[in-house]
Amino acid sequence: MKKSVLLLVVAVFTFTQLVAQESTFSKGDKVLNLGIGLGGRWSGSYMKVSVPPISASLEFGVKDGVLEKGSIGVGPYLAYASHKWEYSGYGWKITDIIIGARGSFHYPLVDKLDTYTGLLLGYDISKETEIGTTPFGGGLYNSSYGGFSYAWFVGARYFFSDSFSAMAELGVGITYLNLGVGLKF
């Protein structure tokens, strides 16, 4: 029985060492992520999507050898979404733009799979415009505001070739789930 358990442990360790081979993201790499979001911050009854959450980020590999096989990447981020809340001819149009920078830590777990986590720091620009006939009388209201924005995210890119990947990210930025493609230059 002890030999079987020991053999199983050795087999699992050997398999994980074979699977977690070389990094898919390293110093000098440039990857452009293009995504569309699901589960935006603006949701609820009578809420309609005008433009779904879309995002673009460019990541530059800046350091290798972090925790042996890990790497660090940094780069700009841009996201946009537009929604409309309307009830009985009255409502609001809401647009949201996030401009920022992201830093991420990549660690290879499986061949061709780039797994990472990181932090987004940026500025959130939002605008709300009253639409339709106001039930309270008076004129329509417009509001613009912005502020510091941050978000933690986890993600993965599966590379089908040396330069093309499918991408998925979870986190609170412009959306909760971001799906798209990654293009490595």
Protein backbone atom coordinates (compact mmCIF):
# COMPACT_ATOMS: atom_id res chain seq x y z
CA MET A 1 0.00 0.00 0.00
CA LYS A 2 2.80 2.44 0.91
CA LYS A 3 4.57 1.64 -2.37
CA SER A 4 1.36 2.39 -4.33
CA VAL A 5 0.90 5.77 -2.64
CA LEU A 6 4.57 6.64 -3.14
CA LEU A 7 4.36 5.61 -6.80
CA LEU A 8 1.23 7.74 -7.26
CA VAL A 9 2.92 10.79 -5.68
CA VAL A 10 6.01 10.36 -7.88
CA ALA A 11 3.82 9.94 -11.00
CA VAL A 12 1.78 13.09 -10.23
CA PHE A 13 4.94 15.12 -9.50
CA THR A 14 6.59 13.92 -12.74
CA PHE A 15 3.44 14.67 -14.77
CA THR A 16 3.14 18.21 -13.38
CA GLN A 17 6.80 18.87 -14.10
CA LEU A 18 6.38 17.68 -17.70
CA VAL A 19 3.17 19.67 -18.24
CA ALA A 20 4.44 22.96 -16.74
CA GLN A 21 7.13 23.47 -19.31
CA GLU A 22 8.29 26.79 -20.68
CA SER A 23 6.70 30.19 -20.25
CA THR A 24 4.35 31.54 -22.91
CA PHE A 25 5.00 35.14 -21.82
CA SER A 26 8.50 36.47 -21.14
CA LYS A 27 10.68 39.56 -21.19
CA GLY A 28 10.55 41.31 -24.56
CA ASP A 29 7.13 39.92 -25.54
CA LYS A 30 4.35 42.29 -26.59
CA VAL A 31 0.73 41.07 -26.40
CA LEU A 32 -2.37 42.99 -27.46
CA ASN A 33 -5.58 41.83 -25.72
CA LEU A 34 -8.92 42.69 -27.34
CA GLY A 35 -11.98 41.74 -25.32
CA ILE A 36 -15.71 42.02 -24.95
CA GLY A 37 -17.27 41.95 -21.52
CA LEU A 38 -20.08 40.02 -19.94
CA GLY A 39 -21.69 41.06 -16.65
CA GLY A 40 -21.02 44.78 -16.57
CA ARG A 41 -21.25 47.08 -13.58
CA TRP A 42 -24.39 48.64 -15.03
CA SER A 43 -27.12 46.03 -14.85
CA GLY A 44 -30.63 45.66 -13.52
CA SER A 45 -34.27 46.06 -14.44
CA TYR A 46 -34.96 48.20 -17.51
CA MET A 47 -31.22 48.42 -18.29
CA LYS A 48 -30.29 47.94 -21.93
CA VAL A 49 -26.82 47.68 -23.43
CA SER A 50 -26.10 50.30 -26.11
CA VAL A 51 -22.43 49.35 -26.59
CA PRO A 52 -21.24 46.24 -24.73
CA PRO A 53 -18.16 46.60 -22.53
CA ILE A 54 -15.12 46.46 -24.83
CA SER A 55 -11.48 46.69 -23.82
CA ALA A 56 -7.98 46.76 -25.22
CA SER A 57 -4.72 46.33 -23.36
CA LEU A 58 -1.15 46.15 -24.55
CA GLU A 59 1.31 44.27 -22.37
CA PHE A 60 5.10 44.41 -22.46
CA GLY A 61 7.16 41.65 -20.81
CA VAL A 62 9.70 43.43 -18.57
CA LYS A 63 11.17 40.81 -16.20
CA ASP A 64 11.77 37.05 -16.22
CA GLY A 65 12.84 34.64 -13.51
CA VAL A 66 10.37 35.77 -10.86
CA LEU A 67 9.76 32.77 -8.58
CA GLU A 68 11.86 30.70 -11.02
CA LYS A 69 9.53 30.49 -14.06
CA GLY A 70 7.35 33.60 -13.59
CA SER A 71 7.46 36.91 -15.44
CA ILE A 72 6.14 40.44 -15.05
CA GLY A 73 4.35 42.53 -17.66
CA VAL A 74 3.11 46.14 -17.75
CA GLY A 75 1.16 48.25 -20.20
CA PRO A 76 -1.75 50.56 -21.03
CA TYR A 77 -5.47 49.72 -20.76
CA LEU A 78 -8.55 51.30 -22.37
CA ALA A 79 -12.20 50.24 -21.93
CA TYR A 80 -15.61 51.62 -22.98
CA ALA A 81 -19.25 50.76 -22.30
CA SER A 82 -22.60 52.46 -22.87
CA HIS A 83 -25.93 51.56 -21.30
CA LYS A 84 -29.41 52.99 -21.15
CA TRP A 85 -31.95 52.72 -18.34
CA GLU A 86 -35.45 53.60 -19.47
CA TYR A 87 -38.94 53.23 -18.03
CA SER A 88 -42.13 54.68 -19.54
CA GLY A 89 -40.30 57.06 -21.87
CA TYR A 90 -37.97 58.46 -19.21
CA GLY A 91 -34.47 57.37 -18.25
CA TRP A 92 -30.72 57.78 -18.36
CA LYS A 93 -27.98 57.09 -20.88
CA ILE A 94 -24.74 56.11 -19.14
CA THR A 95 -21.31 55.99 -20.79
CA ASP A 96 -18.20 54.75 -19.01
CA ILE A 97 -14.54 54.98 -20.08
CA ILE A 98 -11.56 53.65 -18.13
CA ILE A 99 -8.02 54.71 -19.06
CA GLY A 100 -5.19 53.19 -17.09
CA ALA A 101 -2.16 50.99 -16.73
CA ARG A 102 -1.93 47.34 -15.75
CA GLY A 103 0.77 45.31 -14.13
CA SER A 104 0.62 41.52 -14.13
CA PHE A 105 2.47 38.49 -12.83
CA HIS A 106 2.56 35.48 -15.20
CA TYR A 107 3.31 31.95 -14.11
CA PRO A 108 3.20 28.93 -16.48
CA LEU A 109 1.11 26.02 -15.20
CA VAL A 110 0.34 24.15 -18.43
CA ASP A 111 2.04 24.17 -21.85
CA LYS A 112 0.52 26.82 -24.21
CA LEU A 113 -1.50 28.35 -21.32
CA ASP A 114 -0.42 31.77 -20.02
CA THR A 115 -1.94 32.22 -16.54
CA TYR A 116 -1.64 35.56 -14.79
CA THR A 117 -2.96 37.91 -12.13
CA GLY A 118 -2.56 41.64 -11.80
CA LEU A 119 -3.73 45.08 -10.86
CA LEU A 120 -5.28 47.86 -12.96
CA LEU A 121 -4.78 51.48 -11.87
CA GLY A 122 -6.51 54.20 -13.83
CA TYR A 123 -9.06 56.92 -14.22
CA ASP A 124 -12.79 56.25 -14.71
CA ILE A 125 -14.70 58.84 -16.77
CA SER A 126 -18.49 58.51 -16.61
CA LYS A 127 -21.30 60.56 -18.07
CA GLU A 128 -25.01 60.35 -17.35
CA THR A 129 -27.57 62.05 -19.57
CA GLU A 130 -31.27 62.22 -18.78
CA ILE A 131 -33.43 61.12 -21.74
CA GLY A 132 -37.12 61.32 -22.57
CA THR A 133 -39.81 63.28 -20.79
CA THR A 134 -39.05 63.91 -17.16
CA PRO A 135 -41.89 62.98 -14.78
CA PHE A 136 -40.91 65.81 -12.41
CA GLY A 137 -41.17 68.71 -14.84
CA GLY A 138 -38.25 70.99 -15.57
CA GLY A 139 -35.26 70.45 -17.82
CA LEU A 140 -33.17 67.42 -18.49
CA TYR A 141 -30.12 66.75 -16.34
CA ASN A 142 -26.58 65.91 -17.48
CA SER A 143 -23.73 64.84 -15.22
CA SER A 144 -20.09 64.03 -15.85
CA TYR A 145 -17.75 62.69 -13.22
CA GLY A 146 -14.56 60.75 -12.90
CA GLY A 147 -12.16 59.41 -10.40
CA PHE A 148 -9.39 57.05 -9.50
CA SER A 149 -10.16 53.45 -10.47
CA TYR A 150 -8.46 50.20 -9.55
CA ALA A 151 -9.22 46.55 -10.14
CA TRP A 152 -7.65 43.21 -9.40
CA PHE A 153 -7.91 40.56 -12.12
CA VAL A 154 -6.96 36.98 -12.94
CA GLY A 155 -6.68 35.70 -16.47
CA ALA A 156 -5.49 33.12 -18.90
CA ARG A 157 -4.50 33.07 -22.56
CA TYR A 158 -4.38 29.79 -24.47
CA PHE A 159 -2.00 30.04 -27.44
CA PHE A 160 -3.15 28.20 -30.56
CA SER A 161 0.00 29.38 -32.34
CA ASP A 162 3.06 31.44 -31.42
CA SER A 163 1.15 34.68 -32.00
CA PHE A 164 -2.61 33.99 -31.52
CA SER A 165 -4.48 33.14 -28.32
CA ALA A 166 -7.95 33.03 -26.79
CA MET A 167 -8.19 35.14 -23.64
CA ALA A 168 -10.43 35.17 -20.54
CA GLU A 169 -10.18 37.48 -17.53
CA LEU A 170 -12.15 37.75 -14.31
CA GLY A 171 -12.15 40.95 -12.28
CA VAL A 172 -13.95 44.19 -11.63
CA GLY A 173 -12.92 46.76 -14.23
CA ILE A 174 -15.37 47.79 -16.91
CA THR A 175 -16.86 44.28 -16.61
CA TYR A 176 -16.72 41.15 -14.45
CA LEU A 177 -15.83 38.68 -17.23
CA ASN A 178 -13.81 39.63 -20.28
CA LEU A 179 -13.47 37.25 -23.25
CA GLY A 180 -11.43 37.85 -26.37
CA VAL A 181 -8.21 37.28 -28.23
CA GLY A 182 -4.55 37.97 -27.59
CA LEU A 183 -2.10 38.82 -30.39
CA LYS A 184 1.62 38.44 -29.64
CA PHE A 185 4.09 40.57 -31.61
